[in-house]
């Protein structure tokens, strides 16, 4: 499902953005 895939990619991108902010 394209919506599920978009939600998965969005959650991964959000996780990496939070990890980048916390590492700084």
Protein backbone atom coordinates (compact mmCIF):
# COMPACT_ATOMS: atom_id res chain seq x y z
CA UNK A 1 0.00 0.00 0.00
CA UNK A 2 1.43 3.37 -1.04
CA UNK A 3 0.05 5.19 2.02
CA UNK A 4 1.61 2.64 4.37
CA UNK A 5 4.93 2.93 2.54
CA UNK A 6 4.81 6.72 2.80
CA UNK A 7 4.08 6.52 6.52
CA UNK A 8 6.99 4.09 7.01
CA UNK A 9 9.42 6.31 5.07
CA UNK A 10 8.16 9.37 6.96
CA UNK A 11 8.65 7.69 10.35
CA UNK A 12 12.18 6.59 9.42
CA UNK A 13 13.05 10.09 8.20
CA UNK A 14 11.64 11.56 11.43
CA UNK A 15 13.65 9.10 13.53
CA UNK A 16 16.88 9.99 11.72
CA UNK A 17 16.16 13.71 12.05
CA UNK A 18 15.61 13.31 15.82
CA UNK A 19 18.81 11.23 16.13
CA UNK A 20 20.76 13.91 14.24
CA UNK A 21 19.42 16.63 16.55
CA UNK A 22 20.14 14.63 19.71
CA UNK A 23 23.69 13.75 18.59
CA UNK A 24 24.46 17.47 18.31
